[in-house]
Amino acid sequence: SWMWKRGQGFDVVTYTGDDAVFKDIPHSLGTTPEMIWVKCRDDNGQWVVGHKGRNGGTNPWNYFSALNGNGADEDNIMFNDTPPTSTHFTVGTDNDVNDTDTYIAMLFSSVSGISKCGYYTGTAASNTITTGFQPRFVFIKRTDSTGSWMVHDTVRGFTAGDDPYLRFNSDAAQSNFGVGTVISTGFIVSTTD
């Protein structure tokens, strides 16, 4: 399992929706969230994910994708087309984020030397992704087309070989695939897949 401790770079917020046109939700992250996961606790629904890199970083909070799905970014008012601030984030009226139910939201931000919420454009060759530190957990999702939420970590292996990975949007056992390797300042995506 992977766990995040509430504090610098991570916050957990619970709230009750009101089905309003928009709803501002306070948080205690102390900085602007760069990625937000929201899940309804009372009803079926998808895990809604917002990220500062959606749509290539242009109006990113107009888009979302589902953590339990593999689809491309969708243009939707999940976050009411409103960027989060260092004190609040906003949700629209979609039932997955703001009905008369209770919700949990997980907020992430970059912390120098500890965590990095970023994005990159893939190429037909190797890509070096700089984080500023050597990561132990790497979470990647293709956003312009279908693609799984790929999870790689150094405990199970993340080297230049045939490494194990899991998919957040699947209950399948881990598979092996040589995606790349970790370096002291980030990681290298060495596959064109």
C-alpha atoms as a PDB file:
ATOM      1  CA  SER A   1       0.000   0.000   0.000  1.00  0.00           C
ATOM      2  CA  TRP A   2       0.948   3.642  -0.264  1.00  0.00           C
ATOM      3  CA  MET A   3      -0.016   6.207   2.324  1.00  0.00           C
ATOM      4  CA  TRP A   4       0.300   9.961   2.563  1.00  0.00           C
ATOM      5  CA  LYS A   5       0.613  11.816   5.837  1.00  0.00           C
ATOM      6  CA  ARG A   6      -1.507  14.917   6.230  1.00  0.00           C
ATOM      7  CA  GLY A   7       0.779  17.932   6.383  1.00  0.00           C
ATOM      8  CA  GLN A   8       3.117  19.716   4.016  1.00  0.00           C
ATOM      9  CA  GLY A   9       2.157  18.699   0.461  1.00  0.00           C
ATOM     10  CA  PHE A  10      -0.965  16.705   1.378  1.00  0.00           C
ATOM     11  CA  ASP A  11      -4.329  17.485   2.962  1.00  0.00           C
ATOM     12  CA  VAL A  12      -7.598  15.582   3.393  1.00  0.00           C
ATOM     13  CA  VAL A  13     -10.900  17.443   3.501  1.00  0.00           C
ATOM     14  CA  THR A  14     -14.419  16.148   4.096  1.00  0.00           C
ATOM     15  CA  TYR A  15     -17.484  18.163   3.172  1.00  0.00           C
ATOM     16  CA  THR A  16     -21.222  17.885   2.628  1.00  0.00           C
ATOM     17  CA  GLY A  17     -22.519  18.941  -0.770  1.00  0.00           C
ATOM     18  CA  ASP A  18     -25.471  21.267  -1.265  1.00  0.00           C
ATOM     19  CA  ASP A  19     -26.129  20.932  -5.016  1.00  0.00           C
ATOM     20  CA  ALA A  20     -25.447  24.682  -5.406  1.00  0.00           C
ATOM     21  CA  VAL A  21     -24.193  26.233  -8.615  1.00  0.00           C
ATOM     22  CA  PHE A  22     -20.746  26.178  -7.049  1.00  0.00           C
ATOM     23  CA  LYS A  23     -19.351  25.467  -3.625  1.00  0.00           C
ATOM     24  CA  ASP A  24     -16.116  26.788  -2.116  1.00  0.00           C
ATOM     25  CA  ILE A  25     -14.428  24.231   0.142  1.00  0.00           C
ATOM     26  CA  PRO A  26     -11.781  25.412   2.644  1.00  0.00           C
ATOM     27  CA  HIS A  27      -8.573  23.411   3.041  1.00  0.00           C
ATOM     28  CA  SER A  28      -5.448  23.507   5.220  1.00  0.00           C
ATOM     29  CA  LEU A  29      -2.770  22.690   2.643  1.00  0.00           C
ATOM     30  CA  GLY A  30      -1.161  26.102   3.118  1.00  0.00           C
ATOM     31  CA  THR A  31      -0.404  26.367  -0.595  1.00  0.00           C
ATOM     32  CA  THR A  32      -2.350  26.063  -3.835  1.00  0.00           C
ATOM     33  CA  PRO A  33      -3.257  22.420  -4.603  1.00  0.00           C
ATOM     34  CA  GLU A  34      -1.786  21.073  -7.834  1.00  0.00           C
ATOM     35  CA  MET A  35      -3.825  17.859  -7.868  1.00  0.00           C
ATOM     36  CA  ILE A  36      -7.183  17.114  -6.207  1.00  0.00           C
ATOM     37  CA  TRP A  37      -9.019  13.783  -5.887  1.00  0.00           C
ATOM     38  CA  VAL A  38     -12.731  13.878  -4.861  1.00  0.00           C
ATOM     39  CA  LYS A  39     -14.992  10.899  -4.046  1.00  0.00           C
ATOM     40  CA  CYS A  40     -18.610  10.758  -2.859  1.00  0.00           C
ATOM     41  CA  ARG A  41     -18.861   8.705   0.353  1.00  0.00           C
ATOM     42  CA  ASP A  42     -22.635   8.141   0.315  1.00  0.00           C
ATOM     43  CA  ASP A  43     -23.327   7.021  -3.226  1.00  0.00           C
ATOM     44  CA  ASN A  44     -21.778   5.306  -6.223  1.00  0.00           C
ATOM     45  CA  GLY A  45     -19.642   7.510  -8.395  1.00  0.00           C
ATOM     46  CA  GLN A  46     -16.247   8.017  -9.870  1.00  0.00           C
ATOM     47  CA  TRP A  47     -13.081   9.337  -8.293  1.00  0.00           C
ATOM     48  CA  VAL A  48     -12.811  12.809  -9.851  1.00  0.00           C
ATOM     49  CA  VAL A  49      -9.243  14.024 -10.445  1.00  0.00           C
ATOM     50  CA  GLY A  50      -8.214  17.595 -11.212  1.00  0.00           C
ATOM     51  CA  HIS A  51      -4.608  18.510 -11.979  1.00  0.00           C
ATOM     52  CA  LYS A  52      -2.694  21.656 -12.890  1.00  0.00           C
ATOM     53  CA  GLY A  53      -1.451  19.951 -16.075  1.00  0.00           C
ATOM     54  CA  ARG A  54      -4.825  19.151 -17.597  1.00  0.00           C
ATOM     55  CA  ASN A  55      -5.233  20.428 -21.166  1.00  0.00           C
ATOM     56  CA  GLY A  56      -1.483  21.045 -21.320  1.00  0.00           C
ATOM     57  CA  GLY A  57      -1.754  23.509 -18.427  1.00  0.00           C
ATOM     58  CA  THR A  58      -4.213  25.819 -20.240  1.00  0.00           C
ATOM     59  CA  ASN A  59      -7.388  26.280 -18.149  1.00  0.00           C
ATOM     60  CA  PRO A  60      -6.613  22.967 -16.418  1.00  0.00           C
ATOM     61  CA  TRP A  61      -9.437  23.195 -13.871  1.00  0.00           C
ATOM     62  CA  ASN A  62     -11.999  23.112 -16.705  1.00  0.00           C
ATOM     63  CA  TYR A  63     -11.068  19.426 -17.117  1.00  0.00           C
ATOM     64  CA  PHE A  64     -10.978  16.236 -15.083  1.00  0.00           C
ATOM     65  CA  SER A  65     -10.477  12.523 -15.453  1.00  0.00           C
ATOM     66  CA  ALA A  66     -11.689   9.582 -13.403  1.00  0.00           C
ATOM     67  CA  LEU A  67      -9.169   7.799 -11.175  1.00  0.00           C
ATOM     68  CA  ASN A  68     -11.200   4.605 -11.562  1.00  0.00           C
ATOM     69  CA  GLY A  69     -11.308   4.928 -15.382  1.00  0.00           C
ATOM     70  CA  ASN A  70      -8.869   5.132 -18.271  1.00  0.00           C
ATOM     71  CA  GLY A  71     -10.443   7.851 -20.429  1.00  0.00           C
ATOM     72  CA  ALA A  72      -8.872  11.031 -21.747  1.00  0.00           C
ATOM     73  CA  ASP A  73      -9.415  14.376 -20.048  1.00  0.00           C
ATOM     74  CA  GLU A  74     -13.026  15.525 -20.095  1.00  0.00           C
ATOM     75  CA  ASP A  75     -14.217  19.121 -20.290  1.00  0.00           C
ATOM     76  CA  ASN A  76     -16.653  19.379 -17.384  1.00  0.00           C
ATOM     77  CA  ILE A  77     -17.566  21.720 -14.531  1.00  0.00           C
ATOM     78  CA  MET A  78     -16.420  19.347 -11.778  1.00  0.00           C
ATOM     79  CA  PHE A  79     -14.207  22.132 -10.386  1.00  0.00           C
ATOM     80  CA  ASN A  80     -16.543  24.869 -11.652  1.00  0.00           C
ATOM     81  CA  ASP A  81     -13.822  25.945 -14.144  1.00  0.00           C
ATOM     82  CA  THR A  82     -12.184  27.676 -11.174  1.00  0.00           C
ATOM     83  CA  PRO A  83      -8.525  27.262 -10.159  1.00  0.00           C
ATOM     84  CA  PRO A  84      -7.966  26.410  -6.500  1.00  0.00           C
ATOM     85  CA  THR A  85      -6.312  28.888  -4.138  1.00  0.00           C
ATOM     86  CA  SER A  86      -4.102  28.476  -1.096  1.00  0.00           C
ATOM     87  CA  THR A  87      -7.231  28.439   1.101  1.00  0.00           C
ATOM     88  CA  HIS A  88     -10.111  27.010  -1.005  1.00  0.00           C
ATOM     89  CA  PHE A  89     -11.055  24.840  -3.945  1.00  0.00           C
ATOM     90  CA  THR A  90     -14.346  25.026  -5.819  1.00  0.00           C
ATOM     91  CA  VAL A  91     -16.682  22.317  -7.080  1.00  0.00           C
ATOM     92  CA  GLY A  92     -19.595  22.551  -9.513  1.00  0.00           C
ATOM     93  CA  THR A  93     -22.984  20.835  -9.373  1.00  0.00           C
ATOM     94  CA  ASP A  94     -22.112  17.413 -10.741  1.00  0.00           C
ATOM     95  CA  ASN A  95     -23.305  14.647  -8.385  1.00  0.00           C
ATOM     96  CA  ASP A  96     -19.775  13.212  -8.248  1.00  0.00           C
ATOM     97  CA  VAL A  97     -18.551  16.348  -6.434  1.00  0.00           C
ATOM     98  CA  ASN A  98     -21.550  18.294  -5.105  1.00  0.00           C
ATOM     99  CA  ASP A  99     -24.923  16.730  -4.468  1.00  0.00           C
ATOM    100  CA  THR A 100     -26.585  16.505  -1.042  1.00  0.00           C
ATOM    101  CA  ASP A 101     -24.075  13.778  -0.022  1.00  0.00           C
ATOM    102  CA  THR A 102     -20.813  13.655   1.921  1.00  0.00           C
ATOM    103  CA  TYR A 103     -17.464  13.746   0.105  1.00  0.00           C
ATOM    104  CA  ILE A 104     -13.778  13.250   0.739  1.00  0.00           C
ATOM    105  CA  ALA A 105     -11.136  15.267  -1.091  1.00  0.00           C
ATOM    106  CA  MET A 106      -7.394  14.619  -1.161  1.00  0.00           C
ATOM    107  CA  LEU A 107      -5.220  17.581  -2.100  1.00  0.00           C
ATOM    108  CA  PHE A 108      -1.603  17.348  -3.263  1.00  0.00           C
ATOM    109  CA  SER A 109       1.088  19.952  -3.909  1.00  0.00           C
ATOM    110  CA  SER A 110       4.794  19.891  -4.666  1.00  0.00           C
ATOM    111  CA  VAL A 111       7.281  20.106  -1.803  1.00  0.00           C
ATOM    112  CA  SER A 112      10.906  20.730  -2.737  1.00  0.00           C
ATOM    113  CA  GLY A 113      12.941  17.558  -2.284  1.00  0.00           C
ATOM    114  CA  ILE A 114       9.892  15.464  -1.300  1.00  0.00           C
ATOM    115  CA  SER A 115       7.111  15.501  -3.880  1.00  0.00           C
ATOM    116  CA  LYS A 116       6.396  16.854  -7.356  1.00  0.00           C
ATOM    117  CA  CYS A 117       3.073  17.263  -9.155  1.00  0.00           C
ATOM    118  CA  GLY A 118       3.983  17.810 -12.765  1.00  0.00           C
ATOM    119  CA  TYR A 119       3.245  16.942 -16.368  1.00  0.00           C
ATOM    120  CA  TYR A 120       5.146  16.435 -19.588  1.00  0.00           C
ATOM    121  CA  THR A 121       4.612  15.821 -23.270  1.00  0.00           C
ATOM    122  CA  GLY A 122       5.698  12.400 -24.461  1.00  0.00           C
ATOM    123  CA  THR A 123       7.823  11.861 -27.538  1.00  0.00           C
ATOM    124  CA  ALA A 124       8.764   8.948 -29.741  1.00  0.00           C
ATOM    125  CA  ALA A 125      12.035   8.698 -27.818  1.00  0.00           C
ATOM    126  CA  SER A 126      13.331   8.687 -24.266  1.00  0.00           C
ATOM    127  CA  ASN A 127      12.191  11.508 -21.926  1.00  0.00           C
ATOM    128  CA  THR A 128      14.043  12.656 -18.819  1.00  0.00           C
ATOM    129  CA  ILE A 129      11.563  14.033 -16.280  1.00  0.00           C
ATOM    130  CA  THR A 130      13.178  16.271 -13.670  1.00  0.00           C
ATOM    131  CA  THR A 131      11.692  16.337 -10.181  1.00  0.00           C
ATOM    132  CA  GLY A 132      14.681  17.767  -8.312  1.00  0.00           C
ATOM    133  CA  PHE A 133      15.109  14.627  -6.211  1.00  0.00           C
ATOM    134  CA  GLN A 134      15.158  10.850  -6.609  1.00  0.00           C
ATOM    135  CA  PRO A 135      11.508   9.683  -6.493  1.00  0.00           C
ATOM    136  CA  ARG A 136      10.373   6.455  -4.843  1.00  0.00           C
ATOM    137  CA  PHE A 137       6.798   6.546  -6.204  1.00  0.00           C
ATOM    138  CA  VAL A 138       5.821   7.596  -9.741  1.00  0.00           C
ATOM    139  CA  PHE A 139       2.197   7.912 -10.882  1.00  0.00           C
ATOM    140  CA  ILE A 140       1.559   8.563 -14.608  1.00  0.00           C
ATOM    141  CA  LYS A 141      -1.653   9.013 -16.632  1.00  0.00           C
ATOM    142  CA  ARG A 142      -1.972   9.746 -20.331  1.00  0.00           C
ATOM    143  CA  THR A 143      -4.437  12.617 -20.697  1.00  0.00           C
ATOM    144  CA  ASP A 144      -4.966  13.177 -24.432  1.00  0.00           C
ATOM    145  CA  SER A 145      -6.278   9.651 -25.056  1.00  0.00           C
ATOM    146  CA  THR A 146      -7.194   6.523 -23.164  1.00  0.00           C
ATOM    147  CA  GLY A 147      -4.557   5.138 -20.864  1.00  0.00           C
ATOM    148  CA  SER A 148      -4.283   3.576 -17.421  1.00  0.00           C
ATOM    149  CA  TRP A 149      -3.099   5.235 -14.223  1.00  0.00           C
ATOM    150  CA  MET A 150       0.354   3.611 -14.068  1.00  0.00           C
ATOM    151  CA  VAL A 151       1.997   3.204 -10.666  1.00  0.00           C
ATOM    152  CA  HIS A 152       5.708   2.469 -10.312  1.00  0.00           C
ATOM    153  CA  ASP A 153       7.701   2.379  -7.094  1.00  0.00           C
ATOM    154  CA  THR A 154      11.227   1.573  -6.069  1.00  0.00           C
ATOM    155  CA  VAL A 155      10.210  -0.987  -3.428  1.00  0.00           C
ATOM    156  CA  ARG A 156       8.788  -3.333  -6.089  1.00  0.00           C
ATOM    157  CA  GLY A 157      11.410  -2.251  -8.637  1.00  0.00           C
ATOM    158  CA  PHE A 158      11.835   0.701 -10.971  1.00  0.00           C
ATOM    159  CA  THR A 159      15.045   0.233 -12.911  1.00  0.00           C
ATOM    160  CA  ALA A 160      15.963  -0.134 -16.560  1.00  0.00           C
ATOM    161  CA  GLY A 161      14.617  -3.688 -16.677  1.00  0.00           C
ATOM    162  CA  ASP A 162      11.261  -5.395 -16.892  1.00  0.00           C
ATOM    163  CA  ASP A 163       9.706  -3.673 -13.850  1.00  0.00           C
ATOM    164  CA  PRO A 164       6.455  -4.429 -12.038  1.00  0.00           C
ATOM    165  CA  TYR A 165       3.692  -1.837 -12.139  1.00  0.00           C
ATOM    166  CA  LEU A 166       0.079  -1.563 -11.018  1.00  0.00           C
ATOM    167  CA  ARG A 167      -2.857   0.340 -12.466  1.00  0.00           C
ATOM    168  CA  PHE A 168      -5.031   2.419 -10.142  1.00  0.00           C
ATOM    169  CA  ASN A 169      -7.996   1.914 -12.482  1.00  0.00           C
ATOM    170  CA  SER A 170      -7.766  -1.889 -12.492  1.00  0.00           C
ATOM    171  CA  ASP A 171      -7.998  -4.724  -9.987  1.00  0.00           C
ATOM    172  CA  ALA A 172      -5.606  -6.859 -12.080  1.00  0.00           C
ATOM    173  CA  ALA A 173      -2.417  -8.245 -10.568  1.00  0.00           C
ATOM    174  CA  GLN A 174       0.777  -6.347 -11.222  1.00  0.00           C
ATOM    175  CA  SER A 175       2.371  -6.706 -14.643  1.00  0.00           C
ATOM    176  CA  ASN A 176       5.951  -6.244 -15.761  1.00  0.00           C
ATOM    177  CA  PHE A 177       7.029  -3.686 -18.307  1.00  0.00           C
ATOM    178  CA  GLY A 178      10.312  -1.825 -18.834  1.00  0.00           C
ATOM    179  CA  VAL A 179       9.046   1.754 -18.673  1.00  0.00           C
ATOM    180  CA  GLY A 180      12.236   3.448 -17.531  1.00  0.00           C
ATOM    181  CA  THR A 181      14.485   4.077 -14.580  1.00  0.00           C
ATOM    182  CA  VAL A 182      14.848   6.361 -11.572  1.00  0.00           C
ATOM    183  CA  ILE A 183      17.765   8.797 -11.484  1.00  0.00           C
ATOM    184  CA  SER A 184      19.022  11.135  -8.728  1.00  0.00           C
ATOM    185  CA  THR A 185      17.100  14.134 -10.126  1.00  0.00           C
ATOM    186  CA  GLY A 186      13.941  12.427 -11.428  1.00  0.00           C
ATOM    187  CA  PHE A 187      13.219   9.557 -13.760  1.00  0.00           C
ATOM    188  CA  ILE A 188      13.649   8.552 -17.371  1.00  0.00           C
ATOM    189  CA  VAL A 189      10.739   7.296 -19.438  1.00  0.00           C
ATOM    190  CA  SER A 190      12.627   5.150 -21.918  1.00  0.00           C
ATOM    191  CA  THR A 191       9.680   3.628 -23.744  1.00  0.00           C
ATOM    192  CA  THR A 192       7.658   5.166 -26.567  1.00  0.00           C
ATOM    193  CA  ASP A 193       4.523   3.361 -25.358  1.00  0.00           C
END
